[in-house]
Structure formats: structure tokens, C-alpha cells
Amino acid sequence: KLGQELAGELAALGSRGFDPWRLAEAWVKDRPEQRLRWLELQLQRWLKEVLVTGDAVNNNRASGLPRPGAGMNMGPVFEVLGRLREARAALEGPLNSQLLLEEQLVRLGEAFAAAAGRTG
């Protein structure tokens, strides 16, 4: 169920309708480490599908992640993946968890907008 919930929340990823601050506020209250781990796994799966098959048709629909377009820049998505790993470890530290989640979700939205060639 958590996966379905998260997929729904990420449906607007990379678009102007994506609200990382609202998501971070909700995520910090309910299993933030599990949510980041799920997101990390989905990004890994998404990148594998894009890079190995060039067609992320099946698994990525369930993740809520945008479908890749031709010529997408994967660099920003790889960068977010690395930061997600660091953020999961940092959740247990003295940092403000909501700000940490906000940063990750903002970067994720920006990465998918950049990968799709959209800015602003």
C-alpha cells in the first residue's frame, strides 16, 4: 500500500503541479526512511529500465515516475539517486528531517524537469 500511495504522490513529478513541500510535511510524519528507500529503489529501477532497454514501459508506470522521452538527460536523476542514499542515513542524525526531505523532493522534481528539458 505504501508503494501505491507514493506512486500517486509522485504522479506530478517534473511538472508545475508537483508540490515537494506538502509531500515533505506528510512524509516526515509517516515512515520517512521507508519512503526514501522506496523512492531510491524506484529510481534505480527506472534508470535500469531506461539504460538497459531504452523503454521504461512496464515497471515505471507503477512507480509514478514520468516516462522517459527520447534524449532525456539522465545526469540529474543519477545525482538525485546519490543524494537520496545520503539523506536516508542523515535522517537519524541531528538535521531537521522535514528540511532534509524538502531538499530531496525539490531536487527530484528539478531533476525530472531538467531530464525532460523543462525548466522553471
C-alpha atoms as a PDB file:
ATOM      1  CA  LYS A   1       0.000   0.000   0.000  1.00  0.00           C
ATOM      2  CA  LEU A   2       2.831   2.417   0.746  1.00  0.00           C
ATOM      3  CA  GLY A   3       4.136   1.952  -2.783  1.00  0.00           C
ATOM      4  CA  GLN A   4       0.741   2.750  -4.304  1.00  0.00           C
ATOM      5  CA  GLU A   5       0.410   5.824  -2.109  1.00  0.00           C
ATOM      6  CA  LEU A   6       3.858   7.071  -3.067  1.00  0.00           C
ATOM      7  CA  ALA A   7       3.295   6.403  -6.757  1.00  0.00           C
ATOM      8  CA  GLY A   8       0.177   8.544  -6.612  1.00  0.00           C
ATOM      9  CA  GLU A   9       2.045  11.316  -4.832  1.00  0.00           C
ATOM     10  CA  LEU A  10       4.780  11.316  -7.469  1.00  0.00           C
ATOM     11  CA  ALA A  11       2.408  11.402 -10.434  1.00  0.00           C
ATOM     12  CA  ALA A  12       3.007  15.142 -10.929  1.00  0.00           C
ATOM     13  CA  LEU A  13       6.796  14.814 -10.689  1.00  0.00           C
ATOM     14  CA  GLY A  14       8.606  17.166 -13.048  1.00  0.00           C
ATOM     15  CA  SER A  15       5.503  19.277 -13.659  1.00  0.00           C
ATOM     16  CA  ARG A  16       4.353  22.539 -12.116  1.00  0.00           C
ATOM     17  CA  GLY A  17       1.760  20.590 -10.113  1.00  0.00           C
ATOM     18  CA  PHE A  18       4.413  18.769  -8.081  1.00  0.00           C
ATOM     19  CA  ASP A  19       4.461  20.123  -4.503  1.00  0.00           C
ATOM     20  CA  PRO A  20       7.606  18.905  -2.705  1.00  0.00           C
ATOM     21  CA  TRP A  21       6.916  20.970   0.422  1.00  0.00           C
ATOM     22  CA  ARG A  22       3.500  19.411   1.007  1.00  0.00           C
ATOM     23  CA  LEU A  23       4.938  15.954   0.423  1.00  0.00           C
ATOM     24  CA  ALA A  24       7.850  16.550   2.800  1.00  0.00           C
ATOM     25  CA  GLU A  25       5.449  17.696   5.505  1.00  0.00           C
ATOM     26  CA  ALA A  26       3.445  14.480   5.142  1.00  0.00           C
ATOM     27  CA  TRP A  27       6.464  12.194   4.737  1.00  0.00           C
ATOM     28  CA  VAL A  28       8.245  13.428   7.866  1.00  0.00           C
ATOM     29  CA  LYS A  29       5.242  12.306   9.939  1.00  0.00           C
ATOM     30  CA  ASP A  30       4.962   8.801   8.498  1.00  0.00           C
ATOM     31  CA  ARG A  31       7.918   6.465   7.861  1.00  0.00           C
ATOM     32  CA  PRO A  32      10.306   8.925   6.190  1.00  0.00           C
ATOM     33  CA  GLU A  33      13.163   6.409   5.957  1.00  0.00           C
ATOM     34  CA  GLN A  34      10.916   3.830   4.271  1.00  0.00           C
ATOM     35  CA  ARG A  35       9.635   6.431   1.849  1.00  0.00           C
ATOM     36  CA  LEU A  36      13.149   7.488   0.859  1.00  0.00           C
ATOM     37  CA  ARG A  37      14.176   3.842   0.496  1.00  0.00           C
ATOM     38  CA  TRP A  38      11.155   3.143  -1.731  1.00  0.00           C
ATOM     39  CA  LEU A  39      11.992   6.206  -3.821  1.00  0.00           C
ATOM     40  CA  GLU A  40      15.613   5.130  -4.101  1.00  0.00           C
ATOM     41  CA  LEU A  41      14.582   1.664  -5.299  1.00  0.00           C
ATOM     42  CA  GLN A  42      12.143   3.114  -7.824  1.00  0.00           C
ATOM     43  CA  LEU A  43      14.798   5.451  -9.215  1.00  0.00           C
ATOM     44  CA  GLN A  44      17.217   2.538  -9.533  1.00  0.00           C
ATOM     45  CA  ARG A  45      14.573   0.507 -11.376  1.00  0.00           C
ATOM     46  CA  TRP A  46      13.652   3.468 -13.565  1.00  0.00           C
ATOM     47  CA  LEU A  47      17.267   4.127 -14.541  1.00  0.00           C
ATOM     48  CA  LYS A  48      17.903   0.444 -15.205  1.00  0.00           C
ATOM     49  CA  GLU A  49      14.893   0.241 -17.499  1.00  0.00           C
ATOM     50  CA  VAL A  50      15.899   3.396 -19.336  1.00  0.00           C
ATOM     51  CA  LEU A  51      19.546   2.446 -19.710  1.00  0.00           C
ATOM     52  CA  VAL A  52      19.197  -1.278 -20.366  1.00  0.00           C
ATOM     53  CA  THR A  53      16.095  -1.421 -22.502  1.00  0.00           C
ATOM     54  CA  GLY A  54      15.640   2.182 -23.578  1.00  0.00           C
ATOM     55  CA  ASP A  55      11.926   1.733 -22.945  1.00  0.00           C
ATOM     56  CA  ALA A  56      10.578   2.089 -19.415  1.00  0.00           C
ATOM     57  CA  VAL A  57       7.103   0.820 -20.146  1.00  0.00           C
ATOM     58  CA  ASN A  58       6.126  -1.758 -17.552  1.00  0.00           C
ATOM     59  CA  ASN A  59       7.612  -1.227 -14.089  1.00  0.00           C
ATOM     60  CA  ASN A  60       7.718   2.534 -14.151  1.00  0.00           C
ATOM     61  CA  ARG A  61       4.013   3.059 -14.511  1.00  0.00           C
ATOM     62  CA  ALA A  62       3.574   1.649 -11.011  1.00  0.00           C
ATOM     63  CA  SER A  63       6.229   3.981  -9.577  1.00  0.00           C
ATOM     64  CA  GLY A  64       4.575   7.246 -10.548  1.00  0.00           C
ATOM     65  CA  LEU A  65       7.830   8.377 -12.153  1.00  0.00           C
ATOM     66  CA  PRO A  66       7.479  10.104 -15.519  1.00  0.00           C
ATOM     67  CA  ARG A  67       8.045   8.037 -18.619  1.00  0.00           C
ATOM     68  CA  PRO A  68      11.367   8.828 -20.242  1.00  0.00           C
ATOM     69  CA  GLY A  69      11.435  10.668 -23.513  1.00  0.00           C
ATOM     70  CA  ALA A  70      13.953  10.421 -26.294  1.00  0.00           C
ATOM     71  CA  GLY A  71      17.165  12.219 -25.479  1.00  0.00           C
ATOM     72  CA  MET A  72      16.428  12.664 -21.773  1.00  0.00           C
ATOM     73  CA  ASN A  73      19.389  13.843 -19.719  1.00  0.00           C
ATOM     74  CA  MET A  74      19.889  11.169 -17.050  1.00  0.00           C
ATOM     75  CA  GLY A  75      22.648  13.061 -15.206  1.00  0.00           C
ATOM     76  CA  PRO A  76      20.321  14.944 -12.835  1.00  0.00           C
ATOM     77  CA  VAL A  77      18.462  11.735 -11.965  1.00  0.00           C
ATOM     78  CA  PHE A  78      21.724   9.940 -11.117  1.00  0.00           C
ATOM     79  CA  GLU A  79      22.716  12.867  -8.903  1.00  0.00           C
ATOM     80  CA  VAL A  80      19.417  12.687  -7.001  1.00  0.00           C
ATOM     81  CA  LEU A  81      19.837   8.957  -6.519  1.00  0.00           C
ATOM     82  CA  GLY A  82      23.169   9.502  -4.798  1.00  0.00           C
ATOM     83  CA  ARG A  83      21.736  12.232  -2.600  1.00  0.00           C
ATOM     84  CA  LEU A  84      18.804  10.018  -1.576  1.00  0.00           C
ATOM     85  CA  ARG A  85      21.232   7.448  -0.217  1.00  0.00           C
ATOM     86  CA  GLU A  86      22.963  10.113   1.849  1.00  0.00           C
ATOM     87  CA  ALA A  87      19.648  11.553   3.042  1.00  0.00           C
ATOM     88  CA  ARG A  88      18.413   8.215   4.388  1.00  0.00           C
ATOM     89  CA  ALA A  89      21.492   7.985   6.588  1.00  0.00           C
ATOM     90  CA  ALA A  90      21.139  11.619   7.660  1.00  0.00           C
ATOM     91  CA  LEU A  91      17.544  11.132   8.834  1.00  0.00           C
ATOM     92  CA  GLU A  92      18.861   9.530  12.001  1.00  0.00           C
ATOM     93  CA  GLY A  93      21.120  12.482  12.751  1.00  0.00           C
ATOM     94  CA  PRO A  94      20.541  15.929  14.229  1.00  0.00           C
ATOM     95  CA  LEU A  95      19.387  17.561  10.990  1.00  0.00           C
ATOM     96  CA  ASN A  96      15.854  18.872  10.542  1.00  0.00           C
ATOM     97  CA  SER A  97      14.143  15.909   8.869  1.00  0.00           C
ATOM     98  CA  GLN A  98      11.488  17.983   7.139  1.00  0.00           C
ATOM     99  CA  LEU A  99      14.085  20.260   5.563  1.00  0.00           C
ATOM    100  CA  LEU A 100      16.074  17.217   4.504  1.00  0.00           C
ATOM    101  CA  LEU A 101      13.008  15.687   2.831  1.00  0.00           C
ATOM    102  CA  GLU A 102      12.097  19.009   1.218  1.00  0.00           C
ATOM    103  CA  GLU A 103      15.568  19.254  -0.282  1.00  0.00           C
ATOM    104  CA  GLN A 104      15.386  15.728  -1.699  1.00  0.00           C
ATOM    105  CA  LEU A 105      11.921  16.202  -3.175  1.00  0.00           C
ATOM    106  CA  VAL A 106      12.758  19.606  -4.664  1.00  0.00           C
ATOM    107  CA  ARG A 107      15.888  18.144  -6.271  1.00  0.00           C
ATOM    108  CA  LEU A 108      13.888  15.179  -7.549  1.00  0.00           C
ATOM    109  CA  GLY A 109      11.312  17.446  -9.202  1.00  0.00           C
ATOM    110  CA  GLU A 110      14.057  19.600 -10.698  1.00  0.00           C
ATOM    111  CA  ALA A 111      15.938  16.535 -11.953  1.00  0.00           C
ATOM    112  CA  PHE A 112      12.940  15.194 -13.822  1.00  0.00           C
ATOM    113  CA  ALA A 113      12.077  18.620 -15.208  1.00  0.00           C
ATOM    114  CA  ALA A 114      15.699  19.023 -16.367  1.00  0.00           C
ATOM    115  CA  ALA A 115      15.830  15.485 -17.737  1.00  0.00           C
ATOM    116  CA  ALA A 116      12.751  16.214 -19.796  1.00  0.00           C
ATOM    117  CA  GLY A 117      14.204  19.531 -20.966  1.00  0.00           C
ATOM    118  CA  ARG A 118      11.752  21.673 -18.966  1.00  0.00           C
ATOM    119  CA  THR A 119      12.920  24.500 -16.741  1.00  0.00           C
ATOM    120  CA  GLY A 120      11.305  26.947 -14.363  1.00  0.00           C
END
